[in-house]
C-alpha cells in the first residue's frame, strides 16, 4: 500500500481527507455489516432478490449441458453470443486443482465455451434515445448473432430460442424471466419503469428477418448476479472452499451474495422463486443483487468522515446527485474525474496556476480519464512527466506553463491515494456483506470478543472465494493487490491468528455473458417454481 515517505508534507496534508488505514477499514466493515442488514430488511432499491435459489446453483453447479443464447447489456458495451455448457466431466483438471485434489490457485475451471460472440460499444446517442430506439438497436445486434447461429448450428428456423439476459442496472423481478427496469444511471436517459423482456423481444422482432427463429427470454439477471452464477458453475467447491460472492468493479461496482429470504423484506420477495426439485421450500437462500453503491450505503461513509470535498463536488456535478456515492469513490467511471478535480485544486492552491495556465482538456468534466490515471506509473518523475506532457500538452492552455516533475509526481500520489482508499472501501464492504450472509462470524461490535472465542479452536478454515471482474479493479494502479491486502488485514484485526475464514479474490471475467447462459440452462434443468 501507499506510504507517505516520498511525499512532501504539504501534499500529505492535502491528501489526508482520502486517508484510510486498516483500523478505520475495520470499523467501516462493522458499520457496513449493520447497514447491509438494515437495507436487506427495509430498502426497496437495494438488496433486490433474483428469483432463483442458491440450491439450484450449487448442487447442479457445473453439470448442466447445452448451448444457450446470451446477451450482456452493460454500461458501455453490448455483448451477444452463444454459451456452450460442457459439464463438470469436461472441465480442465489442471486449472486450479492439482491431481491430488488440492488447490494450486483459485481460478475457476474451464467447463464452458463462448462461441459466435460479438461486442458493440453503446454510443452516447443511443443512451440518450427513447427506449424503443435503444432496444431496436439491441434487437438488431441479437438478430445478427442469431443469423450466424442458424448457419453454424443448423438451428430450426421455426423453433424458439431460450435466451439469458444480463442487465447491468437495477431491476425488480417477480419471476426469473421478467424484470422491471429501475432508473438506469451511467449516462442512460431511461428512467421509466419498463418491462425488460418485452422491450428485448419487440426490438428483436422489429429487426429479424422472417427466416430467423423467435427468442424467448427465460432468465434475467443483474451483472453481479451473473458473475456469481458463472463463478459457481466453473468453481469446484469442496468442504473448505466456497464460491461466496460475485463482485463487479469496472465502470460501476456491485456485488451479489445468496441471502436467506427471512433476511429480506417480505414486500420485495419475488412472486415465484425457481428452486431445485429436491429443495425444501422453507427459508431458502436466494441470489441477491445488493446494489451496494446506492445512497443507502452512504451513512457509514459519512459517519467515518470518508467523503471528501472532492467527492461531494463530483457528486454534485453528476447526472444524478446523491444516487451512488459509494460508486463515485470506487469505480472506473468516476475515479479519473475525481483525480481531475483534486489535481485542479492543487494546481491552483499550491502551484499558483490560474485556469489560463492549465491545458484546456483538464478544465472539462472527464477530461482526465480513469484509463490514463490507471496506468500513470511507475513512480519515476521523468517517466511521469513525459506521460503528463503527452496527454496534456502545455501548448493547449491560453497562457502556457511548462509541466514540472513535481507536478507530475503530485498527480501520481493523488492516483495512489484514490486507489488505496477505493481498495479499502471495497474490502470493508466485502467483509460486511459476507457477515450479513452469515459466512463470517463478525462480532456485534469491536469490543465484543465473543466471536473470537468461538473460533479459537477452529482448525478447518473455510476459504471464501470471491469471483471478481471489471477493468478498474484489474488495471487501476495496484487496486487488486491492495484490496486483497486490506481483506487479510481486516480479518487479522477482527480475529487475530484464529480467523475462521480466508478471503480470496479470484478472477471471473466475462461473467456477465457466461452467467446469462449458465442460468438459462440451470433454470430449465431439474427445477420448479414456488
Protein backbone atom coordinates (compact mmCIF):
# COMPACT_ATOMS: atom_id res chain seq x y z
CA UNK A 1 0.00 0.00 0.00
CA UNK A 2 1.00 3.62 -0.43
CA UNK A 3 3.30 5.20 2.11
CA UNK A 4 3.92 8.88 2.60
CA UNK A 5 7.71 8.54 2.82
CA UNK A 6 8.37 10.20 -0.53
CA UNK A 7 5.57 12.74 -0.27
CA UNK A 8 6.04 16.40 0.58
CA UNK A 9 4.37 17.38 3.90
CA UNK A 10 2.01 19.89 2.25
CA UNK A 11 0.82 17.26 -0.24
CA UNK A 12 0.41 14.68 2.52
CA UNK A 13 -1.75 17.18 4.41
CA UNK A 14 -3.76 17.91 1.25
CA UNK A 15 -4.48 14.20 0.74
CA UNK A 16 -5.48 13.48 4.36
CA UNK A 17 -9.23 13.53 3.55
CA UNK A 18 -8.65 10.39 1.44
CA UNK A 19 -6.52 8.58 4.01
CA UNK A 20 -7.77 5.26 5.32
CA UNK A 21 -5.86 2.67 7.33
CA UNK A 22 -6.68 -0.85 8.49
CA UNK A 23 -8.17 0.39 11.78
CA UNK A 24 -10.66 2.63 10.01
CA UNK A 25 -11.38 -0.01 7.36
CA UNK A 26 -12.11 -2.50 10.16
CA UNK A 27 -14.59 -0.09 11.75
CA UNK A 28 -16.15 0.52 8.33
CA UNK A 29 -16.64 -3.23 7.79
CA UNK A 30 -18.65 -3.37 11.04
CA UNK A 31 -20.68 -0.29 10.11
CA UNK A 32 -21.46 -1.68 6.66
CA UNK A 33 -22.43 -5.03 8.16
CA UNK A 34 -25.14 -3.33 10.22
CA UNK A 35 -26.14 -1.10 7.29
CA UNK A 36 -26.43 -4.02 4.89
CA UNK A 37 -28.64 -5.96 7.34
CA UNK A 38 -30.95 -2.95 7.58
CA UNK A 39 -31.05 -2.40 3.81
CA UNK A 40 -31.83 -6.07 3.21
CA UNK A 41 -34.76 -5.85 5.60
CA UNK A 42 -36.07 -2.40 4.63
CA UNK A 43 -34.80 -0.94 1.36
CA UNK A 44 -36.87 -1.02 -1.82
CA UNK A 45 -33.93 -0.04 -4.05
CA UNK A 46 -31.11 -2.19 -2.63
CA UNK A 47 -30.71 -5.90 -1.83
CA UNK A 48 -33.01 -6.95 -4.65
CA UNK A 49 -33.64 -10.72 -4.84
CA UNK A 50 -33.28 -12.64 -8.07
CA UNK A 51 -36.00 -15.32 -8.24
CA UNK A 52 -33.63 -18.28 -8.16
CA UNK A 53 -32.44 -20.17 -5.11
CA UNK A 54 -28.86 -20.95 -4.18
CA UNK A 55 -29.79 -24.62 -4.20
CA UNK A 56 -30.37 -24.71 -7.94
CA UNK A 57 -26.85 -23.42 -8.49
CA UNK A 58 -24.67 -25.36 -6.07
CA UNK A 59 -25.96 -28.98 -6.27
CA UNK A 60 -26.06 -28.86 -10.08
CA UNK A 61 -23.16 -26.44 -10.38
CA UNK A 62 -21.05 -27.38 -13.38
CA UNK A 63 -23.29 -30.25 -14.51
CA UNK A 64 -25.62 -28.52 -16.96
CA UNK A 65 -25.02 -29.06 -20.65
CA UNK A 66 -26.31 -27.37 -23.74
CA UNK A 67 -25.97 -24.29 -25.92
CA UNK A 68 -27.83 -21.12 -24.99
CA UNK A 69 -28.21 -17.67 -26.48
CA UNK A 70 -27.00 -14.99 -24.06
CA UNK A 71 -26.72 -11.21 -24.03
CA UNK A 72 -24.97 -8.83 -21.67
CA UNK A 73 -26.18 -5.21 -21.65
CA UNK A 74 -23.51 -3.20 -19.84
CA UNK A 75 -22.84 0.43 -19.12
CA UNK A 76 -20.53 0.85 -22.12
CA UNK A 77 -20.87 -2.29 -24.25
CA UNK A 78 -23.40 -4.82 -25.53
CA UNK A 79 -22.35 -8.44 -25.99
CA UNK A 80 -24.32 -11.19 -27.70
CA UNK A 81 -23.25 -14.80 -28.22
CA UNK A 82 -23.91 -18.46 -27.58
CA UNK A 83 -22.69 -20.13 -24.37
CA UNK A 84 -21.89 -23.83 -24.57
CA UNK A 85 -22.09 -25.58 -21.19
CA UNK A 86 -19.77 -28.60 -21.26
CA UNK A 87 -20.46 -30.19 -17.85
CA UNK A 88 -18.04 -30.90 -14.99
CA UNK A 89 -16.56 -34.01 -16.55
CA UNK A 90 -15.21 -31.94 -19.43
CA UNK A 91 -13.53 -29.38 -17.18
CA UNK A 92 -9.80 -28.89 -17.19
CA UNK A 93 -8.32 -30.63 -14.13
CA UNK A 94 -5.11 -28.61 -14.26
CA UNK A 95 -6.66 -25.16 -13.95
CA UNK A 96 -6.93 -24.56 -10.23
CA UNK A 97 -6.88 -28.14 -8.93
CA UNK A 98 -3.92 -30.48 -8.85
CA UNK A 99 -4.15 -34.22 -9.45
CA UNK A 100 -4.29 -34.90 -5.70
CA UNK A 101 -7.30 -32.61 -5.32
CA UNK A 102 -5.55 -29.69 -3.67
CA UNK A 103 -5.96 -26.13 -4.93
CA UNK A 104 -2.91 -24.86 -6.78
CA UNK A 105 -4.60 -21.48 -7.26
CA UNK A 106 -8.15 -20.26 -7.01
CA UNK A 107 -9.20 -19.88 -10.62
CA UNK A 108 -12.38 -21.45 -11.96
CA UNK A 109 -12.23 -24.48 -14.20
CA UNK A 110 -12.83 -24.42 -17.96
CA UNK A 111 -16.20 -26.10 -18.45
CA UNK A 112 -17.92 -23.64 -20.74
CA UNK A 113 -17.21 -22.04 -24.09
CA UNK A 114 -18.28 -18.76 -25.70
CA UNK A 115 -18.99 -19.01 -29.42
CA UNK A 116 -20.10 -16.58 -32.14
CA UNK A 117 -19.82 -13.80 -29.59
CA UNK A 118 -19.82 -10.21 -30.80
CA UNK A 119 -19.45 -6.93 -28.92
CA UNK A 120 -20.63 -3.41 -29.75
CA UNK A 121 -19.98 -0.11 -27.94
CA UNK A 122 -23.17 1.61 -26.78
CA UNK A 123 -22.89 5.07 -28.29
CA UNK A 124 -23.82 8.13 -26.26
CA UNK A 125 -26.52 8.97 -28.81
CA UNK A 126 -28.18 5.62 -28.14
CA UNK A 127 -28.04 6.21 -24.38
CA UNK A 128 -29.95 9.44 -24.87
CA UNK A 129 -32.58 7.91 -27.18
CA UNK A 130 -36.02 6.72 -26.11
CA UNK A 131 -36.38 3.07 -25.03
CA UNK A 132 -37.80 1.90 -28.37
CA UNK A 133 -34.79 3.21 -30.32
CA UNK A 134 -32.26 1.76 -27.90
CA UNK A 135 -33.88 -1.68 -27.80
CA UNK A 136 -34.46 -1.75 -31.56
CA UNK A 137 -30.69 -1.41 -31.94
CA UNK A 138 -30.11 -4.14 -29.32
CA UNK A 139 -32.61 -6.33 -31.21
CA UNK A 140 -30.70 -5.86 -34.46
CA UNK A 141 -27.49 -6.97 -32.75
CA UNK A 142 -29.20 -10.09 -31.37
CA UNK A 143 -30.59 -10.86 -34.83
CA UNK A 144 -27.12 -10.61 -36.36
CA UNK A 145 -25.72 -13.25 -33.98
CA UNK A 146 -28.79 -15.50 -34.25
CA UNK A 147 -28.43 -15.47 -38.05
CA UNK A 148 -24.87 -16.74 -37.66
CA UNK A 149 -26.09 -19.36 -35.20
CA UNK A 150 -28.66 -20.64 -37.68
CA UNK A 151 -25.87 -21.23 -40.19
CA UNK A 152 -23.29 -22.62 -37.75
CA UNK A 153 -25.53 -24.86 -35.65
CA UNK A 154 -28.34 -25.58 -38.13
CA UNK A 155 -30.90 -24.20 -35.73
CA UNK A 156 -34.52 -24.88 -36.50
CA UNK A 157 -35.92 -21.73 -38.06
CA UNK A 158 -39.38 -22.43 -36.62
CA UNK A 159 -38.05 -23.06 -33.13
CA UNK A 160 -37.98 -20.73 -30.12
CA UNK A 161 -34.51 -19.95 -28.76
CA UNK A 162 -34.25 -19.64 -24.97
CA UNK A 163 -32.18 -16.58 -24.09
CA UNK A 164 -30.47 -15.48 -20.90
CA UNK A 165 -30.12 -11.75 -20.26
CA UNK A 166 -27.63 -9.92 -18.07
CA UNK A 167 -28.61 -6.32 -17.38
CA UNK A 168 -26.07 -4.11 -15.61
CA UNK A 169 -28.61 -1.83 -13.98
CA UNK A 170 -31.07 -2.06 -11.08
CA UNK A 171 -34.10 -4.24 -11.83
CA UNK A 172 -37.02 -5.55 -9.82
CA UNK A 173 -38.09 -9.14 -10.56
CA UNK A 174 -41.24 -11.06 -9.75
CA UNK A 175 -40.15 -14.17 -11.67
CA UNK A 176 -36.87 -15.26 -13.21
CA UNK A 177 -37.99 -14.41 -16.75
CA UNK A 178 -39.40 -10.94 -16.17
CA UNK A 179 -37.85 -7.75 -14.86
CA UNK A 180 -38.87 -4.14 -14.42
CA UNK A 181 -36.18 -1.58 -15.18
CA UNK A 182 -35.49 0.96 -12.46
CA UNK A 183 -33.52 4.17 -13.04
CA UNK A 184 -30.53 3.14 -15.21
CA UNK A 185 -27.82 5.72 -14.44
CA UNK A 186 -24.35 5.51 -16.08
CA UNK A 187 -25.34 8.17 -18.60
CA UNK A 188 -28.57 6.50 -19.81
CA UNK A 189 -31.66 8.68 -20.11
CA UNK A 190 -34.15 5.86 -19.42
CA UNK A 191 -35.80 6.32 -16.05
CA UNK A 192 -39.26 4.80 -16.61
CA UNK A 193 -40.39 1.53 -15.05
CA UNK A 194 -40.38 -0.61 -18.20
CA UNK A 195 -40.62 -4.36 -18.81
CA UNK A 196 -37.18 -5.50 -19.95
CA UNK A 197 -38.21 -8.81 -21.54
CA UNK A 198 -40.92 -7.19 -23.65
CA UNK A 199 -38.54 -4.48 -24.85
CA UNK A 200 -35.98 -7.09 -25.92
CA UNK A 201 -38.44 -9.36 -27.73
CA UNK A 202 -40.09 -6.43 -29.51
CA UNK A 203 -36.72 -4.99 -30.53
CA UNK A 204 -35.65 -8.36 -31.94
CA UNK A 205 -38.94 -8.89 -33.81
CA UNK A 206 -38.58 -5.50 -35.50
CA UNK A 207 -35.08 -6.35 -36.73
CA UNK A 208 -35.04 -10.06 -37.55
CA UNK A 209 -35.68 -11.47 -40.99
CA UNK A 210 -38.69 -13.82 -41.37
CA UNK A 211 -36.49 -16.91 -41.58
CA UNK A 212 -34.93 -16.46 -38.13
CA UNK A 213 -36.28 -18.30 -35.06
CA UNK A 214 -38.16 -16.48 -32.33
CA UNK A 215 -36.49 -15.78 -28.98
CA UNK A 216 -37.88 -16.41 -25.53
CA UNK A 217 -36.41 -14.63 -22.52
CA UNK A 218 -36.09 -17.38 -19.90
CA UNK A 219 -33.68 -15.85 -17.39
CA UNK A 220 -32.86 -12.25 -16.48
CA UNK A 221 -30.17 -11.31 -14.00
CA UNK A 222 -28.02 -8.41 -12.93
CA UNK A 223 -24.33 -8.39 -13.91
CA UNK A 224 -23.16 -9.06 -10.36
CA UNK A 225 -25.63 -11.96 -10.07
CA UNK A 226 -24.38 -13.24 -13.43
CA UNK A 227 -20.80 -13.16 -12.19
CA UNK A 228 -21.73 -15.26 -9.14
CA UNK A 229 -23.77 -17.69 -11.28
CA UNK A 230 -20.87 -18.13 -13.71
CA UNK A 231 -18.35 -18.44 -10.89
CA UNK A 232 -20.32 -21.15 -9.07
CA UNK A 233 -20.71 -23.12 -12.31
CA UNK A 234 -16.98 -23.05 -13.01
CA UNK A 235 -15.59 -23.29 -9.47
CA UNK A 236 -15.03 -26.71 -7.92
CA UNK A 237 -16.23 -26.36 -4.35
CA UNK A 238 -15.33 -28.70 -1.51
CA UNK A 239 -15.63 -28.73 2.29
CA UNK A 240 -13.10 -25.92 2.71
CA UNK A 241 -13.62 -23.88 -0.48
CA UNK A 242 -16.80 -22.00 -1.30
CA UNK A 243 -17.66 -19.61 -4.15
CA UNK A 244 -19.18 -16.97 -1.90
CA UNK A 245 -19.68 -13.77 -3.85
CA UNK A 246 -19.76 -12.17 -7.28
CA UNK A 247 -18.03 -8.79 -7.42
CA UNK A 248 -18.13 -6.17 -10.17
CA UNK A 249 -15.64 -3.32 -10.13
CA UNK A 250 -15.40 -1.82 -13.58
CA UNK A 251 -17.34 1.15 -14.94
CA UNK A 252 -19.52 0.75 -11.85
CA UNK A 253 -19.41 -1.50 -8.82
CA UNK A 254 -21.83 -4.03 -7.35
CA UNK A 255 -21.86 -7.37 -5.55
CA UNK A 256 -24.09 -10.42 -5.22
CA UNK A 257 -24.44 -12.97 -2.42
CA UNK A 258 -27.01 -15.61 -1.52
CA UNK A 259 -29.21 -14.48 1.40
CA UNK A 260 -31.99 -16.25 3.25
CA UNK A 261 -35.47 -14.98 2.45
CA UNK A 262 -36.01 -14.21 6.12
CA UNK A 263 -33.30 -11.53 5.91
CA UNK A 264 -35.27 -9.70 3.22
CA UNK A 265 -38.35 -7.55 3.41
CA UNK A 266 -41.39 -9.64 2.51
CA UNK A 267 -42.53 -6.76 0.30
CA UNK A 268 -39.72 -7.34 -2.19
CA UNK A 269 -39.70 -11.12 -2.29
CA UNK A 270 -40.43 -12.44 -5.80
CA UNK A 271 -43.81 -13.95 -6.56
CA UNK A 272 -42.11 -17.14 -7.77
CA UNK A 273 -38.67 -18.50 -6.95
CA UNK A 274 -37.06 -21.14 -9.15
CA UNK A 275 -35.65 -23.83 -6.86
CA UNK A 276 -34.17 -27.31 -7.15
CA UNK A 277 -36.73 -30.08 -7.47
CA UNK A 278 -35.44 -31.62 -4.21
CA UNK A 279 -35.24 -28.32 -2.36
CA UNK A 280 -37.18 -27.65 0.82
CA UNK A 281 -39.33 -24.56 0.48
CA UNK A 282 -38.68 -23.08 3.93
CA UNK A 283 -36.39 -20.01 4.03
CA UNK A 284 -34.29 -20.90 1.01
CA UNK A 285 -31.35 -18.69 0.11
CA UNK A 286 -31.82 -16.57 -2.98
CA UNK A 287 -29.24 -14.71 -5.05
CA UNK A 288 -29.43 -11.05 -4.03
CA UNK A 289 -28.29 -8.15 -6.18
CA UNK A 290 -27.15 -5.79 -3.44
CA UNK A 291 -26.79 -2.55 -5.45
CA UNK A 292 -24.36 -1.67 -2.68
CA UNK A 293 -23.28 1.61 -4.26
CA UNK A 294 -26.69 3.31 -4.00
CA UNK A 295 -27.11 6.08 -1.40
CA UNK A 296 -28.44 3.78 1.34
CA UNK A 297 -24.82 2.74 1.93
CA UNK A 298 -23.60 6.32 2.44
CA UNK A 299 -24.27 6.70 6.18
CA UNK A 300 -21.16 4.77 7.35
CA UNK A 301 -19.01 6.71 4.89
CA UNK A 302 -20.28 10.00 6.29
CA UNK A 303 -20.01 8.79 9.90
CA UNK A 304 -16.32 7.95 9.47
CA UNK A 305 -15.51 11.13 7.55
CA UNK A 306 -14.63 9.27 4.37
CA UNK A 307 -16.47 11.57 1.96
CA UNK A 308 -14.14 14.40 0.94
CA UNK A 309 -14.98 17.80 -0.55
CA UNK A 310 -13.86 16.46 -3.95
CA UNK A 311 -16.28 13.51 -3.66
CA UNK A 312 -19.08 15.94 -2.88
CA UNK A 313 -18.12 18.13 -5.84
CA UNK A 314 -18.04 15.13 -8.19
CA UNK A 315 -21.43 14.03 -6.88
CA UNK A 316 -23.00 17.48 -7.20
CA UNK A 317 -21.83 17.87 -10.80
CA UNK A 318 -23.04 14.39 -11.86
CA UNK A 319 -26.14 13.27 -13.72
CA UNK A 320 -27.94 12.15 -10.55
CA UNK A 321 -26.54 13.84 -7.41
CA UNK A 322 -26.71 11.64 -4.34
CA UNK A 323 -27.53 8.47 -6.28
CA UNK A 324 -24.39 6.32 -5.95
CA UNK A 325 -21.85 7.85 -3.52
CA UNK A 326 -20.01 4.56 -2.97
CA UNK A 327 -19.60 4.12 -6.73
CA UNK A 328 -18.16 7.62 -7.13
CA UNK A 329 -15.37 6.62 -4.72
CA UNK A 330 -14.56 3.15 -6.05
CA UNK A 331 -15.39 2.64 -9.74
CA UNK A 332 -13.93 3.34 -13.14
CA UNK A 333 -16.49 5.78 -14.46
CA UNK A 334 -15.58 8.30 -11.78
CA UNK A 335 -12.04 7.84 -10.43
CA UNK A 336 -10.40 9.73 -13.27
CA UNK A 337 -12.79 12.64 -12.74
CA UNK A 338 -12.06 12.57 -9.01
CA UNK A 339 -8.36 12.81 -9.83
CA UNK A 340 -9.00 15.74 -12.18
CA UNK A 341 -10.88 17.72 -9.52
CA UNK A 342 -8.14 17.11 -6.97
CA UNK A 343 -5.33 17.95 -9.40
CA UNK A 344 -7.00 21.19 -10.47
CA UNK A 345 -7.46 22.16 -6.84
CA UNK A 346 -3.80 21.57 -6.05
CA UNK A 347 -2.50 23.25 -9.22
CA UNK A 348 -4.40 26.39 -8.24
CA UNK A 349 -3.95 26.36 -4.46
CA UNK A 350 -0.34 25.15 -4.19
CA UNK A 351 1.33 25.79 -7.55
CA UNK A 352 -0.43 29.12 -8.03
CA UNK A 353 -1.77 28.40 -11.51
CA UNK A 354 -4.88 30.00 -12.95
CA UNK A 355 -7.27 28.38 -15.41
CA UNK A 356 -5.49 30.24 -18.23
CA UNK A 357 -2.31 28.29 -17.38
CA UNK A 358 -3.97 24.88 -17.43
CA UNK A 359 -4.42 22.78 -20.63
CA UNK A 360 -8.00 23.05 -21.90
CA UNK A 361 -8.70 19.30 -21.65
CA UNK A 362 -8.11 19.34 -17.89
CA UNK A 363 -10.78 22.01 -17.45
CA UNK A 364 -13.57 19.82 -18.83
CA UNK A 365 -15.51 17.12 -16.99
CA UNK A 366 -13.95 13.68 -17.55
CA UNK A 367 -11.02 15.41 -19.29
CA UNK A 368 -8.66 13.25 -17.21
CA UNK A 369 -9.67 9.68 -17.92
CA UNK A 370 -9.64 6.79 -15.48
CA UNK A 371 -7.66 4.83 -18.07
CA UNK A 372 -4.88 7.41 -18.05
CA UNK A 373 -4.79 7.59 -14.27
CA UNK A 374 -4.85 3.78 -14.01
CA UNK A 375 -1.57 3.41 -15.88
CA UNK A 376 0.08 6.56 -14.56
CA UNK A 377 3.11 4.74 -13.13
CA UNK A 378 5.83 3.74 -12.22
CA UNK A 379 6.73 6.47 -9.71
CA UNK A 380 9.64 7.74 -11.80
CA UNK A 381 9.43 11.56 -12.08
CA UNK A 382 10.95 11.68 -15.57
CA UNK A 383 8.65 8.97 -16.93
CA UNK A 384 5.56 10.52 -15.36
CA UNK A 385 6.47 13.98 -16.62
CA UNK A 386 6.68 12.64 -20.16
CA UNK A 387 3.26 10.98 -19.83
CA UNK A 388 1.74 14.20 -18.47
CA UNK A 389 3.22 16.27 -21.29
CA UNK A 390 1.91 13.91 -23.98
CA UNK A 391 -1.60 13.65 -22.51
CA UNK A 392 -1.99 17.33 -21.65
CA UNK A 393 0.32 19.48 -23.85
CA UNK A 394 1.08 22.79 -22.16
CA UNK A 395 0.63 24.49 -25.51
CA UNK A 396 -3.14 23.85 -25.32
CA UNK A 397 -3.55 26.36 -22.48
CA UNK A 398 -4.20 30.07 -23.01
CA UNK A 399 -1.08 31.11 -21.07
CA UNK A 400 1.19 28.05 -21.21
CA UNK A 401 3.18 27.00 -18.16
CA UNK A 402 5.51 24.01 -18.55
CA UNK A 403 4.80 20.92 -16.51
CA UNK A 404 7.41 20.02 -13.87
CA UNK A 405 8.45 16.73 -12.30
CA UNK A 406 7.00 17.99 -9.03
CA UNK A 407 3.60 18.42 -10.69
CA UNK A 408 3.87 15.01 -12.32
CA UNK A 409 4.66 13.29 -9.01
CA UNK A 410 1.80 15.17 -7.35
CA UNK A 411 -0.68 13.59 -9.74
CA UNK A 412 0.87 10.17 -9.12
CA UNK A 413 0.40 10.47 -5.35
CA UNK A 414 -3.19 11.54 -5.92
CA UNK A 415 -3.82 8.50 -8.13
CA UNK A 416 -2.38 6.19 -5.48
CA UNK A 417 -4.40 7.80 -2.68
CA UNK A 418 -7.58 7.42 -4.72
CA UNK A 419 -6.77 3.78 -5.46
CA UNK A 420 -5.81 2.78 -1.91
CA UNK A 421 -8.97 4.32 -0.50
CA UNK A 422 -11.08 2.57 -3.14
CA UNK A 423 -9.43 -0.78 -2.36
CA UNK A 424 -10.05 -0.32 1.36
CA UNK A 425 -13.69 0.64 0.87
CA UNK A 426 -14.37 -2.39 -1.34
CA UNK A 427 -12.57 -4.72 1.08
CA UNK A 428 -14.62 -3.42 4.02
CA UNK A 429 -17.83 -3.79 2.00
CA UNK A 430 -16.93 -7.37 1.05
CA UNK A 431 -16.42 -8.33 4.69
CA UNK A 432 -19.57 -6.53 5.83
CA UNK A 433 -21.58 -8.26 3.11
CA UNK A 434 -20.23 -11.75 3.85
CA UNK A 435 -21.01 -11.19 7.53
CA UNK A 436 -24.55 -10.23 6.51
CA UNK A 437 -24.77 -13.56 4.66
CA UNK A 438 -23.58 -15.46 7.73
CA UNK A 439 -20.31 -16.52 6.10
CA UNK A 440 -18.15 -14.52 8.55
CA UNK A 441 -18.99 -14.52 12.29
CA UNK A 442 -18.30 -10.80 12.69
CA UNK A 443 -18.70 -9.65 16.27
CA UNK A 444 -21.58 -7.33 17.08
CA UNK A 445 -19.16 -4.58 18.00
CA UNK A 446 -15.42 -4.03 18.03
CA UNK A 447 -15.38 -4.55 21.80
CA UNK A 448 -17.28 -7.83 21.65
CA UNK A 449 -14.77 -10.67 21.89
CA UNK A 450 -17.36 -13.47 21.72
CA UNK A 451 -16.79 -14.30 18.08
CA UNK A 452 -13.05 -14.62 18.65
CA UNK A 453 -13.56 -17.13 21.44
CA UNK A 454 -15.91 -19.14 19.27
CA UNK A 455 -13.30 -19.68 16.59
CA UNK A 456 -10.13 -20.15 18.65
CA UNK A 457 -10.31 -23.92 18.37
CA UNK A 458 -11.19 -23.99 14.71
CA UNK A 459 -8.75 -25.97 12.56
CA UNK A 460 -10.69 -26.24 9.31
CA UNK A 461 -10.50 -22.74 7.91
CA UNK A 462 -13.11 -22.01 5.25
CA UNK A 463 -11.79 -20.38 2.11
CA UNK A 464 -14.43 -17.97 0.84
CA UNK A 465 -13.63 -17.20 -2.78
CA UNK A 466 -14.89 -14.00 -4.37
CA UNK A 467 -15.26 -14.07 -8.14
CA UNK A 468 -14.37 -10.62 -9.42
CA UNK A 469 -14.43 -8.90 -12.77
CA UNK A 470 -14.01 -5.37 -14.09
CA UNK A 471 -11.27 -3.27 -15.62
CA UNK A 472 -11.00 -0.92 -12.66
CA UNK A 473 -10.02 -3.48 -10.01
CA UNK A 474 -7.69 -5.17 -12.51
CA UNK A 475 -5.94 -2.17 -14.04
CA UNK A 476 -6.16 0.86 -11.73
CA UNK A 477 -2.70 1.10 -10.15
CA UNK A 478 -2.50 -1.71 -7.52
CA UNK A 479 -6.22 -1.91 -6.76
CA UNK A 480 -6.49 -5.71 -6.78
CA UNK A 481 -3.47 -6.47 -4.60
CA UNK A 482 -4.29 -3.64 -2.18
CA UNK A 483 -7.88 -4.89 -1.86
CA UNK A 484 -6.61 -8.39 -1.04
CA UNK A 485 -4.18 -6.90 1.49
CA UNK A 486 -6.98 -4.99 3.22
CA UNK A 487 -9.13 -8.15 3.32
CA UNK A 488 -6.32 -10.04 5.05
CA UNK A 489 -5.57 -7.20 7.45
CA UNK A 490 -9.19 -6.57 8.47
CA UNK A 491 -9.68 -10.27 9.25
CA UNK A 492 -6.49 -10.24 11.30
CA UNK A 493 -7.72 -7.16 13.19
CA UNK A 494 -11.03 -8.93 13.88
CA UNK A 495 -9.83 -12.44 14.76
CA UNK A 496 -6.10 -12.26 15.39
CA UNK A 497 -4.39 -15.52 14.45
CA UNK A 498 -7.63 -17.55 14.65
CA UNK A 499 -9.70 -16.32 11.73
CA UNK A 500 -12.27 -18.97 10.78
CA UNK A 501 -12.16 -17.89 7.15
CA UNK A 502 -9.75 -16.76 4.50
CA UNK A 503 -10.99 -14.44 1.75
CA UNK A 504 -9.57 -14.94 -1.71
CA UNK A 505 -10.15 -12.76 -4.76
CA UNK A 506 -10.34 -14.91 -7.89
CA UNK A 507 -10.92 -13.76 -11.49
CA UNK A 508 -14.26 -14.45 -13.12
CA UNK A 509 -14.06 -12.32 -16.22
CA UNK A 510 -16.83 -12.33 -18.84
CA UNK A 511 -19.21 -13.49 -16.10
CA UNK A 512 -21.90 -11.18 -17.47
CA UNK A 513 -22.46 -13.09 -20.66
CA UNK A 514 -21.46 -16.54 -19.41
CA UNK A 515 -23.67 -16.22 -16.32
CA UNK A 516 -26.66 -15.42 -18.53
CA UNK A 517 -26.03 -18.64 -20.46
CA UNK A 518 -25.47 -20.72 -17.33
CA UNK A 519 -28.66 -19.53 -15.66
CA UNK A 520 -30.61 -20.02 -18.87
CA UNK A 521 -29.55 -23.69 -18.73
CA UNK A 522 -29.80 -24.16 -14.97
CA UNK A 523 -33.30 -22.72 -14.79
CA UNK A 524 -34.55 -25.37 -17.23
CA UNK A 525 -32.83 -28.35 -15.61
CA UNK A 526 -34.36 -30.16 -12.64
CA UNK A 527 -36.13 -27.08 -11.30
CA UNK A 528 -39.55 -25.92 -10.21
CA UNK A 529 -41.19 -22.63 -9.23
CA UNK A 530 -42.64 -21.99 -5.77
